[in-house]
């Protein structure tokens, strides 16, 4: 059986001439080489462009989220710091800015605002949001407040966890749970240098309530030594004056106040 095949296309004299031209053949090979080598370069450029686009979009998104989180925190803090205004008085001028007419509403709205903050922006304000929410709840729902503060205290967020323990200790002391209060205050003494004067004052108050005047005096001395002009230092000095005035001589001289021009 005879084989059937395609007829070969006849090349023109011009095509035959240039097909065997060394320069033309070199050009064709160069083009093939560039196409093969250029393909991965184009792919790489596309990948780099995609990565840059993702980075820019991601940066914009995170900056936007951070700005939203900061705004939400500012709004919650405004509620927390808002004063209570007595509307029954006709002579009192209402303050400029945020204020409340009753404590219940203030603490409820503040607690809700900080809980939303901790939930919606957990990457930024999870611990601090729960801490403030816990403090707010202590004013009208003590069990929930204690629960939130215990959650924050058990986290490894150093300063916020210490603040939560301090709030717990103060609440235990106010409610007569002196053993828990003393235990927390003593834990804080070994972990938080910045809060130490306030912790010592709190510890001194609890010792006073339990009738341990000697330990109370020692705690107040430690609180007043760093800076007698600070809030905690002044309070400690006041209690020393009442409990053991002869021990005041053990305190360093008060720091001179800066002279205002």
C-alpha atoms as a PDB file:
ATOM      1  CA  UNK A   1       0.000   0.000   0.000  1.00  0.00           C
ATOM      2  CA  UNK A   2       1.445   3.248  -1.049  1.00  0.00           C
ATOM      3  CA  UNK A   3       2.086   5.693   1.715  1.00  0.00           C
ATOM      4  CA  UNK A   4       0.271   8.945   1.478  1.00  0.00           C
ATOM      5  CA  UNK A   5       1.896  12.048   2.892  1.00  0.00           C
ATOM      6  CA  UNK A   6       1.616  15.691   2.882  1.00  0.00           C
ATOM      7  CA  UNK A   7       3.204  17.519   0.101  1.00  0.00           C
ATOM      8  CA  UNK A   8       6.132  19.500   1.237  1.00  0.00           C
ATOM      9  CA  UNK A   9       5.767  23.189   0.774  1.00  0.00           C
ATOM     10  CA  UNK A  10       8.119  24.415  -1.827  1.00  0.00           C
ATOM     11  CA  UNK A  11      10.511  27.045  -0.570  1.00  0.00           C
ATOM     12  CA  UNK A  12      11.087  30.062  -2.648  1.00  0.00           C
ATOM     13  CA  UNK A  13      14.552  30.967  -3.725  1.00  0.00           C
ATOM     14  CA  UNK A  14      14.442  33.934  -1.313  1.00  0.00           C
ATOM     15  CA  UNK A  15      13.423  31.716   1.607  1.00  0.00           C
ATOM     16  CA  UNK A  16      16.089  29.180   0.760  1.00  0.00           C
ATOM     17  CA  UNK A  17      18.623  31.929   0.620  1.00  0.00           C
ATOM     18  CA  UNK A  18      17.853  33.435   4.027  1.00  0.00           C
ATOM     19  CA  UNK A  19      17.185  30.120   5.717  1.00  0.00           C
ATOM     20  CA  UNK A  20      20.810  29.177   5.379  1.00  0.00           C
ATOM     21  CA  UNK A  21      22.112  32.639   6.174  1.00  0.00           C
ATOM     22  CA  UNK A  22      24.307  32.365   9.319  1.00  0.00           C
ATOM     23  CA  UNK A  23      23.139  35.710  10.705  1.00  0.00           C
ATOM     24  CA  UNK A  24      19.483  34.800  10.292  1.00  0.00           C
ATOM     25  CA  UNK A  25      20.053  31.478  11.993  1.00  0.00           C
ATOM     26  CA  UNK A  26      21.910  33.200  14.857  1.00  0.00           C
ATOM     27  CA  UNK A  27      19.051  35.697  15.254  1.00  0.00           C
ATOM     28  CA  UNK A  28      16.459  32.906  15.377  1.00  0.00           C
ATOM     29  CA  UNK A  29      18.434  30.978  17.973  1.00  0.00           C
ATOM     30  CA  UNK A  30      18.886  34.136  20.035  1.00  0.00           C
ATOM     31  CA  UNK A  31      15.145  34.812  19.949  1.00  0.00           C
ATOM     32  CA  UNK A  32      14.382  31.249  21.026  1.00  0.00           C
ATOM     33  CA  UNK A  33      16.891  31.530  23.872  1.00  0.00           C
ATOM     34  CA  UNK A  34      15.466  34.856  25.059  1.00  0.00           C
ATOM     35  CA  UNK A  35      11.942  33.513  24.993  1.00  0.00           C
ATOM     36  CA  UNK A  36      12.899  30.466  27.038  1.00  0.00           C
ATOM     37  CA  UNK A  37      14.932  32.492  29.517  1.00  0.00           C
ATOM     38  CA  UNK A  38      12.503  35.395  29.678  1.00  0.00           C
ATOM     39  CA  UNK A  39       9.500  33.293  30.633  1.00  0.00           C
ATOM     40  CA  UNK A  40      10.638  32.623  34.261  1.00  0.00           C
ATOM     41  CA  UNK A  41      11.717  36.264  34.588  1.00  0.00           C
ATOM     42  CA  UNK A  42       8.220  37.402  33.670  1.00  0.00           C
ATOM     43  CA  UNK A  43       6.748  34.935  36.157  1.00  0.00           C
ATOM     44  CA  UNK A  44       9.127  36.141  38.880  1.00  0.00           C
ATOM     45  CA  UNK A  45       8.271  39.780  38.213  1.00  0.00           C
ATOM     46  CA  UNK A  46       4.574  38.899  38.446  1.00  0.00           C
ATOM     47  CA  UNK A  47       5.094  37.104  41.760  1.00  0.00           C
ATOM     48  CA  UNK A  48       7.070  40.038  43.196  1.00  0.00           C
ATOM     49  CA  UNK A  49       4.414  42.489  42.050  1.00  0.00           C
ATOM     50  CA  UNK A  50       1.744  40.322  43.688  1.00  0.00           C
ATOM     51  CA  UNK A  51       3.678  40.172  46.952  1.00  0.00           C
ATOM     52  CA  UNK A  52       4.140  43.951  46.959  1.00  0.00           C
ATOM     53  CA  UNK A  53       0.443  44.441  46.272  1.00  0.00           C
ATOM     54  CA  UNK A  54      -0.480  42.102  49.132  1.00  0.00           C
ATOM     55  CA  UNK A  55       1.947  43.892  51.463  1.00  0.00           C
ATOM     56  CA  UNK A  56       0.527  47.320  50.627  1.00  0.00           C
ATOM     57  CA  UNK A  57      -3.049  46.076  50.987  1.00  0.00           C
ATOM     58  CA  UNK A  58      -2.199  44.300  54.253  1.00  0.00           C
ATOM     59  CA  UNK A  59      -0.440  47.362  55.673  1.00  0.00           C
ATOM     60  CA  UNK A  60      -3.417  49.525  54.817  1.00  0.00           C
ATOM     61  CA  UNK A  61      -5.810  47.030  56.413  1.00  0.00           C
ATOM     62  CA  UNK A  62      -3.794  46.745  59.633  1.00  0.00           C
ATOM     63  CA  UNK A  63      -3.311  50.507  59.867  1.00  0.00           C
ATOM     64  CA  UNK A  64      -7.053  50.931  59.387  1.00  0.00           C
ATOM     65  CA  UNK A  65      -7.797  48.302  62.067  1.00  0.00           C
ATOM     66  CA  UNK A  66      -5.322  49.908  64.463  1.00  0.00           C
ATOM     67  CA  UNK A  67      -6.909  53.341  63.964  1.00  0.00           C
ATOM     68  CA  UNK A  68     -10.378  51.887  64.554  1.00  0.00           C
ATOM     69  CA  UNK A  69      -9.151  50.121  67.690  1.00  0.00           C
ATOM     70  CA  UNK A  70      -7.586  53.307  69.064  1.00  0.00           C
ATOM     71  CA  UNK A  71     -10.816  55.222  68.417  1.00  0.00           C
ATOM     72  CA  UNK A  72     -12.866  52.550  70.219  1.00  0.00           C
ATOM     73  CA  UNK A  73     -10.435  52.618  73.160  1.00  0.00           C
ATOM     74  CA  UNK A  74     -10.664  56.406  73.366  1.00  0.00           C
ATOM     75  CA  UNK A  75     -14.465  56.285  73.397  1.00  0.00           C
ATOM     76  CA  UNK A  76     -14.480  53.639  76.153  1.00  0.00           C
ATOM     77  CA  UNK A  77     -11.988  55.606  78.273  1.00  0.00           C
ATOM     78  CA  UNK A  78     -14.123  58.726  77.885  1.00  0.00           C
ATOM     79  CA  UNK A  79     -17.069  56.850  79.419  1.00  0.00           C
ATOM     80  CA  UNK A  80     -14.852  55.440  82.189  1.00  0.00           C
ATOM     81  CA  UNK A  81     -13.497  58.875  83.166  1.00  0.00           C
ATOM     82  CA  UNK A  82     -16.785  60.756  82.727  1.00  0.00           C
ATOM     83  CA  UNK A  83     -17.973  62.521  85.913  1.00  0.00           C
ATOM     84  CA  UNK A  84     -21.332  61.989  87.579  1.00  0.00           C
ATOM     85  CA  UNK A  85     -23.362  65.179  87.353  1.00  0.00           C
ATOM     86  CA  UNK A  86     -26.014  66.063  89.924  1.00  0.00           C
ATOM     87  CA  UNK A  87     -28.917  67.287  87.816  1.00  0.00           C
ATOM     88  CA  UNK A  88     -31.062  68.139  90.845  1.00  0.00           C
ATOM     89  CA  UNK A  89     -28.946  71.189  91.611  1.00  0.00           C
ATOM     90  CA  UNK A  90     -29.891  74.356  89.733  1.00  0.00           C
ATOM     91  CA  UNK A  91     -26.619  76.102  90.540  1.00  0.00           C
ATOM     92  CA  UNK A  92     -24.233  73.478  89.139  1.00  0.00           C
ATOM     93  CA  UNK A  93     -23.048  74.063  85.592  1.00  0.00           C
ATOM     94  CA  UNK A  94     -22.959  70.842  83.532  1.00  0.00           C
ATOM     95  CA  UNK A  95     -19.390  69.936  82.544  1.00  0.00           C
ATOM     96  CA  UNK A  96     -18.289  70.283  78.949  1.00  0.00           C
ATOM     97  CA  UNK A  97     -17.967  66.854  77.379  1.00  0.00           C
ATOM     98  CA  UNK A  98     -19.188  63.438  78.415  1.00  0.00           C
ATOM     99  CA  UNK A  99     -20.920  63.066  81.780  1.00  0.00           C
ATOM    100  CA  UNK A 100     -23.530  60.862  83.464  1.00  0.00           C
ATOM    101  CA  UNK A 101     -26.420  61.559  85.766  1.00  0.00           C
ATOM    102  CA  UNK A 102     -26.169  58.243  87.663  1.00  0.00           C
ATOM    103  CA  UNK A 103     -23.379  55.778  88.437  1.00  0.00           C
ATOM    104  CA  UNK A 104     -25.286  52.671  87.354  1.00  0.00           C
ATOM    105  CA  UNK A 105     -25.581  53.890  83.776  1.00  0.00           C
ATOM    106  CA  UNK A 106     -21.971  55.024  83.695  1.00  0.00           C
ATOM    107  CA  UNK A 107     -20.520  51.717  84.823  1.00  0.00           C
ATOM    108  CA  UNK A 108     -22.834  49.634  82.642  1.00  0.00           C
ATOM    109  CA  UNK A 109     -22.020  51.592  79.489  1.00  0.00           C
ATOM    110  CA  UNK A 110     -18.306  51.609  80.322  1.00  0.00           C
ATOM    111  CA  UNK A 111     -18.275  47.847  80.959  1.00  0.00           C
ATOM    112  CA  UNK A 112     -20.075  47.146  77.674  1.00  0.00           C
ATOM    113  CA  UNK A 113     -17.730  49.447  75.746  1.00  0.00           C
ATOM    114  CA  UNK A 114     -14.600  47.746  77.102  1.00  0.00           C
ATOM    115  CA  UNK A 115     -16.009  44.260  76.500  1.00  0.00           C
ATOM    116  CA  UNK A 116     -16.702  45.168  72.860  1.00  0.00           C
ATOM    117  CA  UNK A 117     -13.199  46.585  72.603  1.00  0.00           C
ATOM    118  CA  UNK A 118     -11.647  43.367  73.925  1.00  0.00           C
ATOM    119  CA  UNK A 119     -13.790  41.248  71.599  1.00  0.00           C
ATOM    120  CA  UNK A 120     -13.620  43.300  68.388  1.00  0.00           C
ATOM    121  CA  UNK A 121      -9.960  44.289  68.677  1.00  0.00           C
ATOM    122  CA  UNK A 122      -8.458  41.411  70.625  1.00  0.00           C
ATOM    123  CA  UNK A 123      -5.154  41.781  68.805  1.00  0.00           C
ATOM    124  CA  UNK A 124      -4.682  45.228  70.327  1.00  0.00           C
ATOM    125  CA  UNK A 125      -6.758  45.524  73.501  1.00  0.00           C
ATOM    126  CA  UNK A 126      -7.713  42.030  74.671  1.00  0.00           C
ATOM    127  CA  UNK A 127      -6.109  42.201  78.132  1.00  0.00           C
ATOM    128  CA  UNK A 128      -6.533  45.910  78.816  1.00  0.00           C
ATOM    129  CA  UNK A 129     -10.148  45.830  77.606  1.00  0.00           C
ATOM    130  CA  UNK A 130     -11.016  42.947  79.940  1.00  0.00           C
ATOM    131  CA  UNK A 131      -9.190  44.648  82.811  1.00  0.00           C
ATOM    132  CA  UNK A 132     -11.220  47.849  82.507  1.00  0.00           C
ATOM    133  CA  UNK A 133     -14.431  45.878  81.925  1.00  0.00           C
ATOM    134  CA  UNK A 134     -13.738  43.896  85.102  1.00  0.00           C
ATOM    135  CA  UNK A 135     -13.170  47.063  87.131  1.00  0.00           C
ATOM    136  CA  UNK A 136     -16.448  48.490  85.802  1.00  0.00           C
ATOM    137  CA  UNK A 137     -18.417  45.329  86.578  1.00  0.00           C
ATOM    138  CA  UNK A 138     -17.233  45.415  90.193  1.00  0.00           C
ATOM    139  CA  UNK A 139     -19.571  48.391  90.668  1.00  0.00           C
ATOM    140  CA  UNK A 140     -22.758  46.462  89.818  1.00  0.00           C
ATOM    141  CA  UNK A 141     -21.938  42.791  89.142  1.00  0.00           C
ATOM    142  CA  UNK A 142     -19.101  41.744  91.430  1.00  0.00           C
ATOM    143  CA  UNK A 143     -18.964  38.088  90.378  1.00  0.00           C
ATOM    144  CA  UNK A 144     -18.525  38.950  86.704  1.00  0.00           C
ATOM    145  CA  UNK A 145     -16.001  41.643  87.560  1.00  0.00           C
ATOM    146  CA  UNK A 146     -13.918  39.208  89.603  1.00  0.00           C
ATOM    147  CA  UNK A 147     -14.108  36.617  86.823  1.00  0.00           C
ATOM    148  CA  UNK A 148     -12.824  39.047  84.174  1.00  0.00           C
ATOM    149  CA  UNK A 149     -10.030  40.313  86.428  1.00  0.00           C
ATOM    150  CA  UNK A 150      -8.945  36.752  87.236  1.00  0.00           C
ATOM    151  CA  UNK A 151      -8.753  35.994  83.497  1.00  0.00           C
ATOM    152  CA  UNK A 152      -6.446  38.980  82.973  1.00  0.00           C
ATOM    153  CA  UNK A 153      -4.381  38.155  86.079  1.00  0.00           C
ATOM    154  CA  UNK A 154      -3.707  34.669  84.668  1.00  0.00           C
ATOM    155  CA  UNK A 155      -2.406  36.045  81.365  1.00  0.00           C
ATOM    156  CA  UNK A 156       1.261  36.813  80.747  1.00  0.00           C
ATOM    157  CA  UNK A 157       0.592  40.473  80.041  1.00  0.00           C
ATOM    158  CA  UNK A 158       2.986  41.792  82.703  1.00  0.00           C
ATOM    159  CA  UNK A 159       1.698  45.257  83.614  1.00  0.00           C
ATOM    160  CA  UNK A 160      -1.991  44.613  82.864  1.00  0.00           C
ATOM    161  CA  UNK A 161      -1.941  41.329  84.769  1.00  0.00           C
ATOM    162  CA  UNK A 162      -0.407  43.114  87.768  1.00  0.00           C
ATOM    163  CA  UNK A 163      -3.080  45.820  87.592  1.00  0.00           C
ATOM    164  CA  UNK A 164      -5.751  43.105  87.585  1.00  0.00           C
ATOM    165  CA  UNK A 165      -4.201  41.450  90.666  1.00  0.00           C
ATOM    166  CA  UNK A 166      -4.074  44.822  92.419  1.00  0.00           C
ATOM    167  CA  UNK A 167      -7.757  45.463  91.642  1.00  0.00           C
ATOM    168  CA  UNK A 168      -8.623  41.981  92.944  1.00  0.00           C
ATOM    169  CA  UNK A 169      -6.617  42.525  96.136  1.00  0.00           C
ATOM    170  CA  UNK A 170      -8.287  45.880  96.796  1.00  0.00           C
ATOM    171  CA  UNK A 171     -11.739  44.397  96.242  1.00  0.00           C
ATOM    172  CA  UNK A 172     -11.030  41.446  98.526  1.00  0.00           C
ATOM    173  CA  UNK A 173      -9.816  43.856 101.207  1.00  0.00           C
ATOM    174  CA  UNK A 174     -12.922  46.051 100.902  1.00  0.00           C
ATOM    175  CA  UNK A 175     -15.177  43.014 101.194  1.00  0.00           C
ATOM    176  CA  UNK A 176     -13.398  41.584 104.234  1.00  0.00           C
ATOM    177  CA  UNK A 177     -11.578  38.704 102.503  1.00  0.00           C
ATOM    178  CA  UNK A 178      -8.296  39.672 104.138  1.00  0.00           C
ATOM    179  CA  UNK A 179      -6.377  36.434 103.554  1.00  0.00           C
ATOM    180  CA  UNK A 180      -6.894  36.576  99.784  1.00  0.00           C
ATOM    181  CA  UNK A 181      -6.023  40.271  99.748  1.00  0.00           C
ATOM    182  CA  UNK A 182      -2.767  39.762 101.678  1.00  0.00           C
ATOM    183  CA  UNK A 183      -1.799  36.818  99.465  1.00  0.00           C
ATOM    184  CA  UNK A 184      -2.249  38.850  96.283  1.00  0.00           C
ATOM    185  CA  UNK A 185      -0.462  41.907  97.673  1.00  0.00           C
ATOM    186  CA  UNK A 186       2.521  39.761  98.670  1.00  0.00           C
ATOM    187  CA  UNK A 187       2.646  38.181  95.200  1.00  0.00           C
ATOM    188  CA  UNK A 188       2.666  41.640  93.650  1.00  0.00           C
ATOM    189  CA  UNK A 189       5.575  42.812  95.825  1.00  0.00           C
ATOM    190  CA  UNK A 190       7.883  40.394  94.026  1.00  0.00           C
ATOM    191  CA  UNK A 191       6.668  41.124  90.507  1.00  0.00           C
ATOM    192  CA  UNK A 192       5.849  44.801  90.111  1.00  0.00           C
ATOM    193  CA  UNK A 193       8.389  47.470  91.091  1.00  0.00           C
ATOM    194  CA  UNK A 194       6.386  50.358  89.600  1.00  0.00           C
ATOM    195  CA  UNK A 195       3.302  49.579  91.685  1.00  0.00           C
ATOM    196  CA  UNK A 196       5.197  48.757  94.886  1.00  0.00           C
ATOM    197  CA  UNK A 197       4.268  51.909  96.919  1.00  0.00           C
ATOM    198  CA  UNK A 198       0.558  51.461  96.149  1.00  0.00           C
ATOM    199  CA  UNK A 199       0.821  47.753  96.983  1.00  0.00           C
ATOM    200  CA  UNK A 200       2.510  48.504 100.318  1.00  0.00           C
ATOM    201  CA  UNK A 201      -0.211  51.022 101.211  1.00  0.00           C
ATOM    202  CA  UNK A 202      -2.900  48.457 100.395  1.00  0.00           C
ATOM    203  CA  UNK A 203      -1.083  45.842 102.430  1.00  0.00           C
ATOM    204  CA  UNK A 204      -0.777  48.263 105.356  1.00  0.00           C
ATOM    205  CA  UNK A 205      -4.517  48.930 105.304  1.00  0.00           C
ATOM    206  CA  UNK A 206      -5.319  45.216 105.418  1.00  0.00           C
ATOM    207  CA  UNK A 207      -2.889  44.685 108.312  1.00  0.00           C
ATOM    208  CA  UNK A 208      -4.600  47.555 110.142  1.00  0.00           C
ATOM    209  CA  UNK A 209      -8.000  45.908 109.663  1.00  0.00           C
ATOM    210  CA  UNK A 210      -6.695  42.612 111.021  1.00  0.00           C
ATOM    211  CA  UNK A 211      -5.168  44.362 114.043  1.00  0.00           C
ATOM    212  CA  UNK A 212      -1.538  43.721 113.058  1.00  0.00           C
ATOM    213  CA  UNK A 213      -0.274  47.255 113.659  1.00  0.00           C
ATOM    214  CA  UNK A 214       3.409  46.315 113.583  1.00  0.00           C
ATOM    215  CA  UNK A 215       3.192  44.873 110.071  1.00  0.00           C
ATOM    216  CA  UNK A 216       1.035  47.805 108.991  1.00  0.00           C
ATOM    217  CA  UNK A 217       3.688  50.278 110.127  1.00  0.00           C
ATOM    218  CA  UNK A 218       6.433  48.381 108.287  1.00  0.00           C
ATOM    219  CA  UNK A 219       4.353  48.369 105.109  1.00  0.00           C
ATOM    220  CA  UNK A 220       3.696  52.113 105.350  1.00  0.00           C
ATOM    221  CA  UNK A 221       7.389  52.796 105.906  1.00  0.00           C
ATOM    222  CA  UNK A 222       8.285  50.900 102.740  1.00  0.00           C
ATOM    223  CA  UNK A 223       5.596  52.776 100.804  1.00  0.00           C
ATOM    224  CA  UNK A 224       6.780  56.224 101.943  1.00  0.00           C
ATOM    225  CA  UNK A 225      10.537  55.717 101.457  1.00  0.00           C
ATOM    226  CA  UNK A 226      10.743  56.077  97.653  1.00  0.00           C
ATOM    227  CA  UNK A 227       8.778  59.357  97.408  1.00  0.00           C
ATOM    228  CA  UNK A 228       6.842  60.939 100.256  1.00  0.00           C
ATOM    229  CA  UNK A 229       5.306  63.496  97.865  1.00  0.00           C
ATOM    230  CA  UNK A 230       3.572  60.884  95.692  1.00  0.00           C
ATOM    231  CA  UNK A 231      -0.017  59.879  96.320  1.00  0.00           C
ATOM    232  CA  UNK A 232       0.914  56.551  97.891  1.00  0.00           C
ATOM    233  CA  UNK A 233       3.835  58.097  99.789  1.00  0.00           C
ATOM    234  CA  UNK A 234       1.674  60.874 101.240  1.00  0.00           C
ATOM    235  CA  UNK A 235      -1.002  58.389 102.319  1.00  0.00           C
ATOM    236  CA  UNK A 236       1.628  56.153 103.942  1.00  0.00           C
ATOM    237  CA  UNK A 237       3.157  59.099 105.802  1.00  0.00           C
ATOM    238  CA  UNK A 238      -0.295  60.106 107.050  1.00  0.00           C
ATOM    239  CA  UNK A 239      -0.947  56.612 108.438  1.00  0.00           C
ATOM    240  CA  UNK A 240       2.499  56.524 110.064  1.00  0.00           C
ATOM    241  CA  UNK A 241       1.727  59.820 111.771  1.00  0.00           C
ATOM    242  CA  UNK A 242      -1.389  58.204 113.230  1.00  0.00           C
ATOM    243  CA  UNK A 243       0.083  54.807 114.137  1.00  0.00           C
ATOM    244  CA  UNK A 244       3.762  55.373 114.930  1.00  0.00           C
ATOM    245  CA  UNK A 245       4.845  59.035 114.715  1.00  0.00           C
ATOM    246  CA  UNK A 246       8.241  58.178 116.229  1.00  0.00           C
ATOM    247  CA  UNK A 247       9.035  56.111 113.106  1.00  0.00           C
ATOM    248  CA  UNK A 248       8.762  59.111 110.774  1.00  0.00           C
ATOM    249  CA  UNK A 249      12.384  59.971 111.474  1.00  0.00           C
ATOM    250  CA  UNK A 250      13.368  56.820 109.608  1.00  0.00           C
ATOM    251  CA  UNK A 251      12.080  58.255 106.352  1.00  0.00           C
ATOM    252  CA  UNK A 252      14.424  60.113 103.999  1.00  0.00           C
ATOM    253  CA  UNK A 253      13.990  63.885 103.700  1.00  0.00           C
ATOM    254  CA  UNK A 254      11.170  64.900 101.359  1.00  0.00           C
ATOM    255  CA  UNK A 255      12.223  65.667  97.776  1.00  0.00           C
ATOM    256  CA  UNK A 256      12.273  69.443  97.180  1.00  0.00           C
ATOM    257  CA  UNK A 257       9.522  70.595  94.882  1.00  0.00           C
ATOM    258  CA  UNK A 258      10.654  72.263  91.661  1.00  0.00           C
ATOM    259  CA  UNK A 259      10.370  76.049  91.728  1.00  0.00           C
ATOM    260  CA  UNK A 260       7.982  77.313  89.101  1.00  0.00           C
ATOM    261  CA  UNK A 261       9.173  80.369  87.139  1.00  0.00           C
END
